N, C-alpha and C. Protein backbone atom coordinates (compact mmCIF):
# COMPACT_ATOMS: atom_id res chain seq x y z
N MET A 1 0.89 -1.08 -0.02
CA MET A 1 0.09 0.14 -0.06
C MET A 1 0.99 1.17 -0.11
N ALA A 2 0.59 2.00 -1.04
CA ALA A 2 1.38 3.26 -0.90
C ALA A 2 1.05 4.29 -0.12
N ARG A 3 2.23 4.62 0.67
CA ARG A 3 1.60 5.61 1.88
C ARG A 3 1.45 7.06 1.45
N SER A 4 0.67 7.91 2.24
CA SER A 4 0.63 9.22 1.70
C SER A 4 1.79 10.08 1.84
N LYS A 5 2.13 11.05 1.18
CA LYS A 5 3.10 12.15 1.50
C LYS A 5 3.00 12.74 2.46
N LYS A 6 1.66 13.03 2.73
CA LYS A 6 1.35 14.05 4.01
C LYS A 6 1.42 13.25 5.23
N GLN A 7 1.73 11.70 5.39
CA GLN A 7 1.59 10.98 6.65
C GLN A 7 2.71 11.33 7.60
N THR A 8 2.80 12.48 8.20
CA THR A 8 4.09 12.99 8.86
C THR A 8 3.91 12.64 10.62
N ASP A 9 2.68 12.58 11.09
CA ASP A 9 2.37 12.06 12.28
C ASP A 9 3.17 10.76 12.78
N PRO A 10 4.19 10.81 13.58
CA PRO A 10 4.91 9.44 13.90
C PRO A 10 3.86 8.39 14.56
N LYS A 11 2.85 9.02 15.33
CA LYS A 11 2.03 7.95 15.84
C LYS A 11 0.89 7.42 14.87
N ALA A 12 0.59 8.37 13.75
CA ALA A 12 -0.08 7.78 12.76
C ALA A 12 0.59 6.37 11.88
N ARG A 13 1.85 6.89 11.83
CA ARG A 13 2.54 5.83 11.14
C ARG A 13 2.68 4.26 12.01
N THR A 14 2.65 4.59 13.05
CA THR A 14 2.67 3.27 14.02
C THR A 14 1.21 2.64 13.72
N VAL A 15 0.52 3.55 13.88
CA VAL A 15 -0.89 2.70 13.95
C VAL A 15 -1.22 2.15 12.39
N LEU A 16 -0.85 2.91 11.45
CA LEU A 16 -0.95 2.50 10.16
C LEU A 16 -0.34 1.13 9.77
N THR A 17 0.92 0.96 10.47
CA THR A 17 1.54 -0.18 10.43
C THR A 17 0.85 -1.40 11.00
N LEU A 18 0.19 -0.97 11.98
CA LEU A 18 -0.71 -2.33 12.71
C LEU A 18 -1.86 -2.36 11.97
N VAL A 19 -2.42 -1.62 11.14
CA VAL A 19 -3.63 -1.78 10.48
C VAL A 19 -3.20 -2.50 9.26
N GLU A 20 -1.92 -2.14 8.60
CA GLU A 20 -1.43 -2.83 7.16
C GLU A 20 -1.20 -4.39 7.49
N LYS A 21 -0.78 -4.65 8.60
CA LYS A 21 -0.26 -6.11 9.39
C LYS A 21 -1.70 -6.73 9.72
N GLY A 22 -2.79 -6.11 10.07
CA GLY A 22 -3.97 -6.66 10.63
C GLY A 22 -3.84 -7.04 11.94
N ASN A 23 -2.95 -6.18 12.68
CA ASN A 23 -2.93 -6.42 14.21
C ASN A 23 -3.77 -5.57 14.79
N TYR A 24 -5.17 -5.83 14.72
CA TYR A 24 -5.93 -5.38 15.66
C TYR A 24 -7.25 -6.16 15.87
N GLU A 25 -8.00 -6.04 16.78
CA GLU A 25 -9.33 -6.52 17.01
C GLU A 25 -10.41 -6.13 16.28
N LYS A 26 -11.26 -6.87 15.81
CA LYS A 26 -12.52 -6.47 15.39
C LYS A 26 -13.86 -6.61 16.04
N LEU A 27 -14.47 -5.51 16.47
CA LEU A 27 -16.00 -5.31 16.91
C LEU A 27 -16.70 -4.45 16.25
N ILE A 28 -16.80 -4.82 14.87
CA ILE A 28 -17.72 -3.95 14.17
C ILE A 28 -19.07 -3.84 14.66
N GLY A 29 -19.72 -2.51 14.89
CA GLY A 29 -21.00 -2.53 15.23
C GLY A 29 -21.34 -2.70 16.58
N VAL A 30 -20.27 -2.60 17.37
CA VAL A 30 -20.36 -2.59 18.96
C VAL A 30 -21.15 -1.74 19.46
N VAL A 31 -21.44 -0.62 18.76
CA VAL A 31 -22.30 0.33 19.14
C VAL A 31 -23.38 0.46 18.16
N GLN A 32 -24.77 0.39 18.40
CA GLN A 32 -25.94 0.66 17.32
C GLN A 32 -26.54 2.01 17.86
N ASP A 33 -27.55 1.97 18.56
CA ASP A 33 -28.15 2.85 19.33
C ASP A 33 -27.04 3.42 20.36
N LEU A 34 -26.93 4.72 20.33
CA LEU A 34 -26.11 5.31 21.37
C LEU A 34 -26.60 5.15 22.68
N PRO A 35 -26.03 4.81 23.75
CA PRO A 35 -26.21 4.97 24.94
C PRO A 35 -26.58 6.52 25.34
N LYS A 36 -27.30 6.68 26.50
CA LYS A 36 -27.42 8.00 26.84
C LYS A 36 -26.00 8.75 27.27
N PRO A 37 -25.68 9.97 27.30
CA PRO A 37 -24.55 10.54 27.81
C PRO A 37 -23.96 9.97 29.15
N GLU A 38 -24.97 10.10 30.03
CA GLU A 38 -24.81 9.73 31.55
C GLU A 38 -24.45 8.30 31.58
N ASP A 39 -24.86 7.28 30.50
CA ASP A 39 -24.58 6.07 30.50
C ASP A 39 -23.22 5.57 29.68
N VAL A 40 -22.60 6.47 29.27
CA VAL A 40 -21.79 6.07 28.08
C VAL A 40 -20.40 5.32 28.99
N ARG A 41 -20.08 6.07 29.98
CA ARG A 41 -18.81 5.42 30.63
C ARG A 41 -19.06 4.05 30.82
N ASP A 42 -20.35 3.75 31.44
CA ASP A 42 -20.48 2.43 32.12
C ASP A 42 -20.68 1.41 30.70
N PHE A 43 -21.14 1.82 29.64
CA PHE A 43 -21.42 1.09 28.55
C PHE A 43 -19.97 0.89 27.65
N LEU A 44 -19.16 1.80 27.63
CA LEU A 44 -17.73 1.55 27.19
C LEU A 44 -16.93 0.79 28.01
N GLN A 45 -17.33 0.85 29.14
CA GLN A 45 -16.48 -0.38 30.22
C GLN A 45 -16.98 -1.52 30.17
N GLU A 46 -18.16 -1.92 29.88
CA GLU A 46 -18.80 -3.31 29.77
C GLU A 46 -18.41 -3.80 28.49
N LYS A 47 -18.49 -3.01 27.42
CA LYS A 47 -18.20 -3.74 26.31
C LYS A 47 -16.84 -3.61 25.75
N LEU A 48 -16.18 -2.44 26.16
CA LEU A 48 -14.69 -2.34 25.63
C LEU A 48 -13.74 -2.58 26.57
N GLN A 49 -14.13 -2.59 27.96
CA GLN A 49 -13.18 -2.34 29.08
C GLN A 49 -12.12 -1.18 28.94
N ILE A 50 -12.80 -0.24 28.64
CA ILE A 50 -12.11 1.09 28.24
C ILE A 50 -10.94 1.62 29.16
N THR A 51 -11.02 1.41 30.55
CA THR A 51 -10.17 1.79 31.54
C THR A 51 -9.19 0.97 31.65
N ASN A 52 -9.03 -0.29 30.97
CA ASN A 52 -8.00 -1.20 30.95
C ASN A 52 -6.96 -0.67 30.10
N LYS A 53 -5.89 0.05 30.28
CA LYS A 53 -4.85 0.67 29.61
C LYS A 53 -3.60 0.04 29.52
N ASP A 54 -3.59 -1.24 30.25
CA ASP A 54 -2.27 -1.84 30.57
C ASP A 54 -1.69 -2.48 29.42
N ASN A 55 -2.65 -3.01 28.49
CA ASN A 55 -2.21 -3.53 27.44
C ASN A 55 -2.69 -2.55 26.15
N HIS A 56 -1.81 -2.18 25.07
CA HIS A 56 -2.34 -1.27 24.08
C HIS A 56 -3.32 -2.00 23.11
N ARG A 57 -4.27 -1.47 22.83
CA ARG A 57 -5.54 -2.27 21.98
C ARG A 57 -5.89 -1.29 20.84
N LEU A 58 -5.74 -1.67 19.55
CA LEU A 58 -6.34 -1.16 18.42
C LEU A 58 -7.53 -1.90 18.02
N ILE A 59 -8.90 -1.19 17.77
CA ILE A 59 -9.96 -2.16 17.63
C ILE A 59 -10.76 -1.31 16.46
N LEU A 60 -11.23 -2.34 15.35
CA LEU A 60 -11.91 -1.91 14.22
C LEU A 60 -13.31 -1.97 14.76
N VAL A 61 -13.84 -0.62 14.56
CA VAL A 61 -15.40 -0.76 15.16
C VAL A 61 -16.39 -0.54 13.94
N GLU A 62 -15.76 0.15 12.87
CA GLU A 62 -16.88 0.50 11.88
C GLU A 62 -16.07 0.09 10.51
N GLU A 63 -16.82 -0.26 9.43
CA GLU A 63 -16.22 -0.31 8.24
C GLU A 63 -17.45 -0.32 6.99
N ILE A 64 -16.92 0.78 6.28
CA ILE A 64 -17.95 1.24 5.21
C ILE A 64 -17.34 1.18 4.03
N GLY A 65 -17.07 0.06 3.21
CA GLY A 65 -16.15 -0.13 2.13
C GLY A 65 -14.75 -0.22 2.50
N ASP A 66 -13.90 0.72 1.99
CA ASP A 66 -12.53 0.82 2.34
C ASP A 66 -12.34 1.73 3.37
N TYR A 67 -13.36 2.38 4.13
CA TYR A 67 -13.47 3.49 5.08
C TYR A 67 -13.57 2.66 6.51
N LYS A 68 -12.62 2.69 7.11
CA LYS A 68 -12.54 1.95 8.44
C LYS A 68 -12.35 3.02 9.62
N LEU A 69 -13.12 2.87 10.72
CA LEU A 69 -12.86 3.55 11.94
C LEU A 69 -12.11 2.80 13.11
N PHE A 70 -11.15 3.16 13.57
CA PHE A 70 -10.58 2.37 14.64
C PHE A 70 -10.77 3.18 16.08
N ILE A 71 -10.74 2.53 17.09
CA ILE A 71 -10.44 3.09 18.34
C ILE A 71 -9.00 2.54 18.80
N GLU A 72 -8.40 3.50 19.55
CA GLU A 72 -7.26 2.82 20.10
C GLU A 72 -7.33 3.12 21.81
N ILE A 73 -6.99 2.08 22.44
CA ILE A 73 -7.10 1.97 23.93
C ILE A 73 -5.67 1.81 24.25
N THR A 74 -5.24 3.15 24.99
CA THR A 74 -3.85 3.50 25.00
C THR A 74 -3.51 4.47 26.39
N GLN A 75 -2.62 4.19 26.78
CA GLN A 75 -2.01 5.10 28.09
C GLN A 75 -1.90 6.53 27.72
N GLU A 76 -1.77 6.67 26.29
CA GLU A 76 -1.50 8.15 25.75
C GLU A 76 -2.95 8.79 25.56
N ALA A 77 -4.01 8.25 25.86
CA ALA A 77 -5.43 8.83 25.75
C ALA A 77 -5.62 8.97 27.32
N MET A 78 -5.34 10.53 27.81
CA MET A 78 -5.08 10.92 29.09
C MET A 78 -6.32 11.83 29.65
N LYS A 79 -7.30 12.14 28.72
CA LYS A 79 -8.51 13.30 29.00
C LYS A 79 -9.05 12.81 30.42
N SER A 80 -9.31 11.48 30.27
CA SER A 80 -9.96 10.89 31.51
C SER A 80 -9.47 9.49 31.28
N ALA A 81 -10.20 8.81 32.52
CA ALA A 81 -9.57 7.37 32.56
C ALA A 81 -10.62 6.60 31.57
N TYR A 82 -11.52 7.08 30.93
CA TYR A 82 -12.50 6.55 29.91
C TYR A 82 -12.01 7.03 28.60
N ASP A 83 -10.80 7.64 28.41
CA ASP A 83 -10.29 8.13 27.44
C ASP A 83 -10.19 7.26 26.32
N PHE A 84 -10.34 7.36 24.85
CA PHE A 84 -9.80 6.71 23.92
C PHE A 84 -9.37 7.61 22.64
N ILE A 85 -8.83 6.83 21.65
CA ILE A 85 -8.32 7.92 20.48
C ILE A 85 -8.99 7.15 19.14
N VAL A 86 -9.72 8.05 18.61
CA VAL A 86 -10.36 7.61 17.24
C VAL A 86 -9.53 8.00 16.20
N TRP A 87 -9.44 7.05 15.10
CA TRP A 87 -8.72 6.99 13.99
C TRP A 87 -9.51 6.64 12.59
N ARG A 88 -9.68 7.40 11.71
CA ARG A 88 -10.23 6.98 10.41
C ARG A 88 -9.18 6.49 9.37
N PHE A 89 -9.40 5.45 8.31
CA PHE A 89 -8.52 5.04 7.63
C PHE A 89 -9.29 4.67 6.54
N SER A 90 -8.66 5.14 5.38
CA SER A 90 -8.97 4.82 3.95
C SER A 90 -7.77 5.27 2.90
N PRO A 91 -7.52 3.83 2.07
CA PRO A 91 -6.34 4.16 1.25
C PRO A 91 -6.72 5.04 0.23
N THR A 92 -7.73 5.58 -0.06
CA THR A 92 -8.24 6.86 -1.00
C THR A 92 -8.00 8.20 -0.25
N TYR A 93 -7.87 8.16 0.93
CA TYR A 93 -7.80 9.46 1.64
C TYR A 93 -6.34 10.02 1.73
N ASN A 94 -6.33 11.32 1.91
CA ASN A 94 -4.83 12.15 2.09
C ASN A 94 -4.78 12.96 3.37
N PRO A 95 -4.25 12.40 4.33
CA PRO A 95 -3.31 11.31 4.67
C PRO A 95 -4.14 9.82 4.73
N ILE A 96 -3.51 8.94 4.76
CA ILE A 96 -4.27 7.57 4.76
C ILE A 96 -5.31 7.23 6.08
N ILE A 97 -4.24 7.70 6.92
CA ILE A 97 -4.86 7.33 8.32
C ILE A 97 -4.72 8.77 9.14
N LYS A 98 -5.81 9.10 9.95
CA LYS A 98 -5.77 10.22 10.79
C LYS A 98 -6.84 10.22 11.86
N LYS A 99 -6.64 11.12 13.10
CA LYS A 99 -7.33 11.24 14.22
C LYS A 99 -8.23 12.41 13.68
N PRO A 100 -9.44 12.10 13.30
CA PRO A 100 -10.51 13.04 12.90
C PRO A 100 -10.69 14.22 14.02
N SER A 101 -10.66 15.46 13.70
CA SER A 101 -10.73 16.51 14.74
C SER A 101 -12.20 17.10 14.56
N HIS A 102 -12.63 17.86 15.49
CA HIS A 102 -13.85 18.59 15.36
C HIS A 102 -13.84 19.47 13.78
N ASN A 103 -12.58 19.82 13.57
CA ASN A 103 -12.70 20.93 12.54
C ASN A 103 -12.84 19.96 11.20
N ASP A 104 -12.33 18.69 11.32
CA ASP A 104 -12.45 17.71 10.03
C ASP A 104 -14.08 17.37 10.06
N ILE A 105 -14.65 17.19 11.16
CA ILE A 105 -16.12 17.01 11.18
C ILE A 105 -16.88 18.09 10.76
N ALA A 106 -16.40 19.23 10.96
CA ALA A 106 -17.32 20.80 10.42
C ALA A 106 -17.07 20.82 8.68
N GLU A 107 -15.73 20.41 8.41
CA GLU A 107 -15.47 20.52 7.16
C GLU A 107 -16.24 19.41 6.18
N VAL A 108 -16.37 18.36 6.62
CA VAL A 108 -17.37 17.25 5.94
C VAL A 108 -18.59 17.54 5.95
N PHE A 109 -19.03 18.14 7.10
CA PHE A 109 -20.33 18.54 7.13
C PHE A 109 -20.71 19.64 5.81
N LEU A 110 -19.86 20.60 5.75
CA LEU A 110 -20.10 21.49 4.70
C LEU A 110 -20.14 20.78 3.17
N ARG A 111 -19.36 20.15 3.14
CA ARG A 111 -19.19 19.32 1.81
C ARG A 111 -20.23 18.36 1.49
N LEU A 112 -20.65 17.83 2.60
CA LEU A 112 -21.82 16.82 2.19
C LEU A 112 -23.03 17.67 1.92
N ARG A 113 -23.08 18.89 2.53
CA ARG A 113 -24.38 19.53 2.48
C ARG A 113 -24.55 20.09 0.82
N THR A 114 -23.42 20.22 0.25
CA THR A 114 -23.20 20.44 -1.30
C THR A 114 -23.65 19.39 -2.36
N MET A 115 -23.97 18.05 -1.63
CA MET A 115 -23.88 17.19 -2.63
C MET A 115 -25.30 16.53 -3.08
N HIS A 116 -26.14 17.25 -2.39
CA HIS A 116 -27.58 16.75 -2.82
C HIS A 116 -28.63 17.45 -1.89
N ARG A 117 -29.67 18.31 -2.47
CA ARG A 117 -30.63 18.88 -1.68
C ARG A 117 -31.43 18.35 -0.65
N ASP A 118 -31.53 16.99 -0.53
CA ASP A 118 -31.85 16.39 0.63
C ASP A 118 -30.81 16.36 1.63
N ILE A 119 -29.74 16.18 1.23
CA ILE A 119 -28.58 16.25 2.42
C ILE A 119 -28.60 17.68 2.93
N LYS A 120 -28.68 18.77 2.18
CA LYS A 120 -28.28 19.92 2.47
C LYS A 120 -29.60 20.49 3.68
N LYS A 121 -30.95 19.76 3.27
CA LYS A 121 -32.23 20.06 4.08
C LYS A 121 -32.08 19.26 5.44
N TYR A 122 -31.58 18.14 5.43
CA TYR A 122 -31.94 17.02 6.57
C TYR A 122 -30.58 16.62 7.34
N LEU A 123 -29.31 17.06 6.87
CA LEU A 123 -28.11 16.64 7.56
C LEU A 123 -28.10 16.91 8.90
N ILE A 124 -28.46 18.40 9.44
CA ILE A 124 -28.44 18.67 10.70
C ILE A 124 -29.55 17.83 11.39
N ASN A 125 -30.77 17.54 10.91
CA ASN A 125 -31.69 16.64 11.65
C ASN A 125 -30.92 15.33 12.07
N ALA A 126 -30.18 14.70 10.91
CA ALA A 126 -29.69 13.59 11.16
C ALA A 126 -28.66 13.51 12.28
N CYS A 127 -27.87 14.70 12.27
CA CYS A 127 -27.05 14.68 13.52
C CYS A 127 -27.70 14.92 14.70
N CYS A 128 -28.70 15.44 14.89
CA CYS A 128 -29.52 15.68 16.16
C CYS A 128 -30.12 14.22 16.32
N GLY A 129 -30.62 13.36 15.15
CA GLY A 129 -31.24 12.01 15.60
C GLY A 129 -30.00 11.15 16.16
N LEU A 130 -28.75 11.69 15.73
CA LEU A 130 -27.75 10.49 16.33
C LEU A 130 -27.30 11.20 17.70
N LEU A 131 -26.86 12.21 17.85
CA LEU A 131 -26.17 12.81 19.15
C LEU A 131 -27.41 13.06 20.10
N ARG A 132 -28.52 13.80 19.63
CA ARG A 132 -29.45 14.30 20.73
C ARG A 132 -30.32 12.99 21.01
N ASP A 133 -30.93 12.40 20.09
CA ASP A 133 -31.96 11.36 20.17
C ASP A 133 -31.26 9.92 20.37
N ARG A 134 -29.97 9.71 20.25
CA ARG A 134 -29.14 8.61 20.43
C ARG A 134 -29.68 7.25 19.23
N LEU A 135 -30.01 7.70 18.28
CA LEU A 135 -30.44 6.67 17.19
C LEU A 135 -29.18 6.15 16.56
N SER A 136 -29.25 4.94 16.26
CA SER A 136 -28.18 4.48 15.44
C SER A 136 -28.14 4.99 14.09
N VAL A 137 -26.86 4.86 13.34
CA VAL A 137 -26.52 5.58 12.18
C VAL A 137 -27.77 4.73 10.89
N GLY A 138 -27.89 3.60 11.10
CA GLY A 138 -28.86 3.09 10.38
C GLY A 138 -30.16 3.32 10.36
N LYS A 139 -30.71 3.81 11.62
CA LYS A 139 -31.98 4.48 11.69
C LYS A 139 -32.10 5.84 11.11
N VAL A 140 -30.98 6.42 11.37
CA VAL A 140 -30.73 7.99 10.97
C VAL A 140 -30.84 8.19 9.36
N VAL A 141 -30.09 7.31 8.84
CA VAL A 141 -30.11 6.93 7.20
C VAL A 141 -31.67 6.74 6.84
N ASN A 142 -32.25 5.55 7.10
CA ASN A 142 -33.18 5.11 6.72
C ASN A 142 -34.24 6.42 6.86
N ARG A 143 -34.34 7.16 8.10
CA ARG A 143 -35.13 8.18 8.40
C ARG A 143 -35.18 9.28 7.43
N TYR A 144 -34.09 9.86 7.09
CA TYR A 144 -33.74 11.01 6.39
C TYR A 144 -33.41 10.95 4.79
N PHE A 145 -32.56 9.71 4.75
CA PHE A 145 -31.84 9.86 3.18
C PHE A 145 -32.15 8.40 2.57
N GLU A 146 -33.44 7.88 2.64
CA GLU A 146 -33.76 6.62 2.11
C GLU A 146 -33.70 6.49 0.71
N LYS A 147 -34.05 7.67 0.06
CA LYS A 147 -34.36 7.76 -1.40
C LYS A 147 -32.99 8.18 -2.03
N LEU A 148 -32.02 8.26 -1.14
CA LEU A 148 -30.81 8.74 -2.00
C LEU A 148 -29.99 7.56 -2.59
N SER A 149 -28.80 7.78 -3.50
CA SER A 149 -28.25 6.66 -4.15
C SER A 149 -27.39 5.90 -3.15
N GLU A 150 -27.11 4.68 -3.24
CA GLU A 150 -26.18 3.96 -2.36
C GLU A 150 -24.76 4.68 -1.98
N GLU A 151 -24.29 5.40 -3.20
CA GLU A 151 -22.93 6.01 -3.20
C GLU A 151 -23.08 7.22 -2.34
N LEU A 152 -24.24 7.99 -2.31
CA LEU A 152 -24.43 9.16 -1.21
C LEU A 152 -24.72 8.62 0.29
N LYS A 153 -25.45 7.45 0.00
CA LYS A 153 -25.42 6.80 1.74
C LYS A 153 -24.38 6.61 2.40
N LYS A 154 -23.41 5.92 1.42
CA LYS A 154 -22.09 5.43 2.07
C LYS A 154 -21.32 6.51 2.55
N GLU A 155 -21.45 7.86 1.82
CA GLU A 155 -20.47 9.07 2.33
C GLU A 155 -21.12 9.50 3.58
N LEU A 156 -22.55 9.38 3.59
CA LEU A 156 -23.30 9.81 4.95
C LEU A 156 -22.87 9.12 5.94
N GLU A 157 -22.91 7.68 5.71
CA GLU A 157 -22.54 6.65 6.77
C GLU A 157 -21.06 6.99 7.47
N LYS A 158 -20.10 7.25 6.48
CA LYS A 158 -18.88 7.31 6.91
C LYS A 158 -18.79 8.43 7.75
N PHE A 159 -19.27 9.73 7.56
CA PHE A 159 -19.50 10.76 8.32
C PHE A 159 -20.26 10.48 9.55
N LEU A 160 -21.52 9.90 9.36
CA LEU A 160 -22.28 9.88 10.79
C LEU A 160 -21.53 8.86 11.67
N HIS A 161 -20.96 7.88 11.30
CA HIS A 161 -19.91 7.04 12.17
C HIS A 161 -19.05 7.42 12.77
N THR A 162 -18.41 8.44 11.96
CA THR A 162 -17.42 8.95 12.47
C THR A 162 -17.81 10.20 13.55
N LEU A 163 -18.66 10.67 13.55
CA LEU A 163 -19.32 11.94 14.55
C LEU A 163 -20.09 10.84 15.40
N LYS A 164 -20.41 9.62 15.43
CA LYS A 164 -21.01 8.96 16.45
C LYS A 164 -19.70 8.58 17.49
N TRP A 165 -18.39 8.25 16.86
CA TRP A 165 -17.47 7.77 17.43
C TRP A 165 -16.76 8.99 18.51
N ILE A 166 -16.71 10.18 17.49
CA ILE A 166 -16.19 11.37 18.54
C ILE A 166 -17.45 11.88 19.52
N GLY A 167 -18.36 11.77 19.19
CA GLY A 167 -19.53 12.14 20.22
C GLY A 167 -19.42 11.45 21.37
N LEU A 168 -19.26 9.92 21.26
CA LEU A 168 -18.88 9.13 22.25
C LEU A 168 -17.67 9.41 23.12
N GLN A 169 -16.89 9.85 22.36
CA GLN A 169 -15.47 10.38 23.16
C GLN A 169 -15.68 11.29 24.06
N GLU A 170 -16.35 12.39 23.44
CA GLU A 170 -16.54 13.37 24.28
C GLU A 170 -17.37 13.23 25.69
N ASP A 171 -18.59 12.33 25.15
CA ASP A 171 -19.37 11.85 26.32
C ASP A 171 -18.42 11.24 27.52
N ALA A 172 -17.72 10.30 27.07
CA ALA A 172 -16.78 9.55 28.06
C ALA A 172 -16.02 10.63 28.84
N ASN A 173 -15.27 11.53 28.19
CA ASN A 173 -14.46 12.35 28.84
C ASN A 173 -15.16 13.74 29.39
N TYR A 174 -16.41 14.07 29.17
CA TYR A 174 -16.97 15.34 29.79
C TYR A 174 -18.24 14.93 29.76
N PRO A 175 -18.86 13.62 30.90
CA PRO A 175 -20.04 13.54 31.17
C PRO A 175 -21.08 14.42 31.77
N PRO A 176 -22.47 14.18 31.51
CA PRO A 176 -23.27 15.35 32.33
C PRO A 176 -22.78 15.60 33.98
N PRO A 177 -23.05 16.53 34.29
CA PRO A 177 -23.52 17.90 33.86
C PRO A 177 -22.62 18.60 32.58
N LYS A 178 -21.40 18.03 32.19
CA LYS A 178 -20.72 18.77 31.17
C LYS A 178 -21.45 18.44 29.87
N LEU A 179 -20.97 19.20 28.86
CA LEU A 179 -21.60 19.18 27.57
C LEU A 179 -21.45 17.75 26.83
N GLY A 180 -20.27 17.30 26.85
CA GLY A 180 -20.04 16.25 26.17
C GLY A 180 -20.13 16.41 24.52
N SER A 181 -21.09 15.23 24.24
CA SER A 181 -21.36 15.46 22.60
C SER A 181 -22.18 16.83 22.20
N LYS A 182 -22.80 17.33 23.09
CA LYS A 182 -23.66 18.46 22.79
C LYS A 182 -22.87 19.57 22.31
N MET A 183 -21.55 19.54 22.67
CA MET A 183 -20.50 20.70 21.98
C MET A 183 -20.39 20.36 20.63
N VAL A 184 -20.22 19.29 20.44
CA VAL A 184 -19.96 19.17 18.91
C VAL A 184 -21.48 19.21 18.11
N LEU A 185 -22.68 19.01 18.67
CA LEU A 185 -23.49 19.38 17.90
C LEU A 185 -23.93 20.96 17.93
N ALA A 186 -23.71 21.61 18.90
CA ALA A 186 -23.74 22.91 18.96
C ALA A 186 -22.81 23.64 17.83
N VAL A 187 -21.66 23.13 17.38
CA VAL A 187 -20.92 23.52 16.43
C VAL A 187 -21.55 23.46 14.88
N LEU A 188 -22.20 22.11 14.81
CA LEU A 188 -22.77 21.75 13.53
C LEU A 188 -24.09 22.85 13.35
N ALA A 189 -24.70 23.09 14.63
CA ALA A 189 -25.80 23.75 14.49
C ALA A 189 -25.81 25.06 14.09
N LEU A 190 -24.58 25.69 14.50
CA LEU A 190 -23.98 27.13 14.12
C LEU A 190 -23.70 27.09 12.55
N ILE A 191 -23.00 25.99 12.29
CA ILE A 191 -22.67 25.96 10.92
C ILE A 191 -24.02 25.99 9.96
N GLU A 192 -24.87 25.32 10.68
CA GLU A 192 -26.17 25.26 9.77
C GLU A 192 -27.04 26.37 9.73
N ALA A 193 -26.63 27.11 10.74
CA ALA A 193 -27.28 28.60 10.95
C ALA A 193 -26.45 29.80 10.06
N GLY A 194 -25.29 29.20 9.49
CA GLY A 194 -24.78 30.27 8.45
C GLY A 194 -23.33 30.62 9.04
N PHE A 195 -23.15 30.43 10.17
CA PHE A 195 -21.77 30.76 10.64
C PHE A 195 -20.57 30.11 9.98
N GLU A 196 -19.51 30.75 9.98
CA GLU A 196 -18.34 30.07 9.36
C GLU A 196 -17.39 29.61 10.70
N PRO A 197 -16.78 28.64 10.49
CA PRO A 197 -16.04 27.68 11.45
C PRO A 197 -15.32 28.64 12.21
N LYS A 198 -14.55 29.52 11.40
CA LYS A 198 -13.44 30.59 12.04
C LYS A 198 -14.13 31.54 12.98
N ASP A 199 -15.59 31.77 12.76
CA ASP A 199 -16.34 32.76 13.30
C ASP A 199 -16.75 31.97 14.70
N ILE A 200 -17.13 30.65 14.70
CA ILE A 200 -17.51 29.92 15.72
C ILE A 200 -16.54 29.82 16.58
N ARG A 201 -15.03 29.68 16.30
CA ARG A 201 -14.17 29.49 17.19
C ARG A 201 -13.87 30.65 18.08
N ARG A 202 -14.63 31.83 17.80
CA ARG A 202 -14.55 33.00 18.53
C ARG A 202 -15.38 32.71 20.00
N VAL A 203 -16.42 31.76 19.99
CA VAL A 203 -17.13 31.49 20.99
C VAL A 203 -17.15 30.22 21.70
N ILE A 204 -16.67 29.43 20.63
CA ILE A 204 -16.77 27.70 21.13
C ILE A 204 -15.12 27.26 20.62
N ARG A 205 -14.44 26.77 21.48
CA ARG A 205 -13.13 25.93 21.21
C ARG A 205 -13.38 24.62 20.51
N PHE A 206 -13.00 24.68 19.46
CA PHE A 206 -12.88 23.22 18.87
C PHE A 206 -11.79 23.00 17.58
C-alpha cells in the first residue's frame, strides 16, 4: 500500500503499520443505538473495558467499504480514565490514516451539504437524531436519506459513524453535567445557521 506523502505524524505511522499488518481486534458494530450521555462510561467499560490501558489495543469498530474507523485504547489517551483515540482509515484519503478532529467534522459537514438538496435539508436533523436522540446510524439514514443513491448513503454513513465515535469520546471524557457530545452538535448547528467555522471559534473552542 502506498503511503501518503502527508503522513508525517509518527503516531499515525505506527497505527498505520498495525492496520496494514492486521494487528487489531474486530468489534464492528459494537455500538448501534447510542447509550445516553450519562451511561456512556458504563457502556464503554462493559463492552470494551475502556479503562484497562495496561495493554495497548487497536479495535476496528466500523467499516464502510474501504473506509474504516478504529479506536485505540492506550495510556496516551489521558483526558480521563475513559478516554480513547479515534482513527479513520482509507487508502483513498490523504493522509491515509488520521485522528478526525472537530474541524474535520465541520469540513465534511459542509462538503456533504453541497452534494444533494436532501442532504442540505436534513443533515442537521440527522446529526440531532444521532447525538441528541441517540439513534443508530442505520436508523438515521433510513429516516432522512432512504431515497438517496447507495453512493451518497455511503458518504453519509462514513460521516455519521465518525461523528458517532467522536460524540462517544466527548461523552466519555465530559459526561453530564458537562456538555460532552452536545458541544459537537452545537458547532454543527451554528454552521447550519450560517456561521463560518472561523467565527464559531470565537465563542466555542474546537
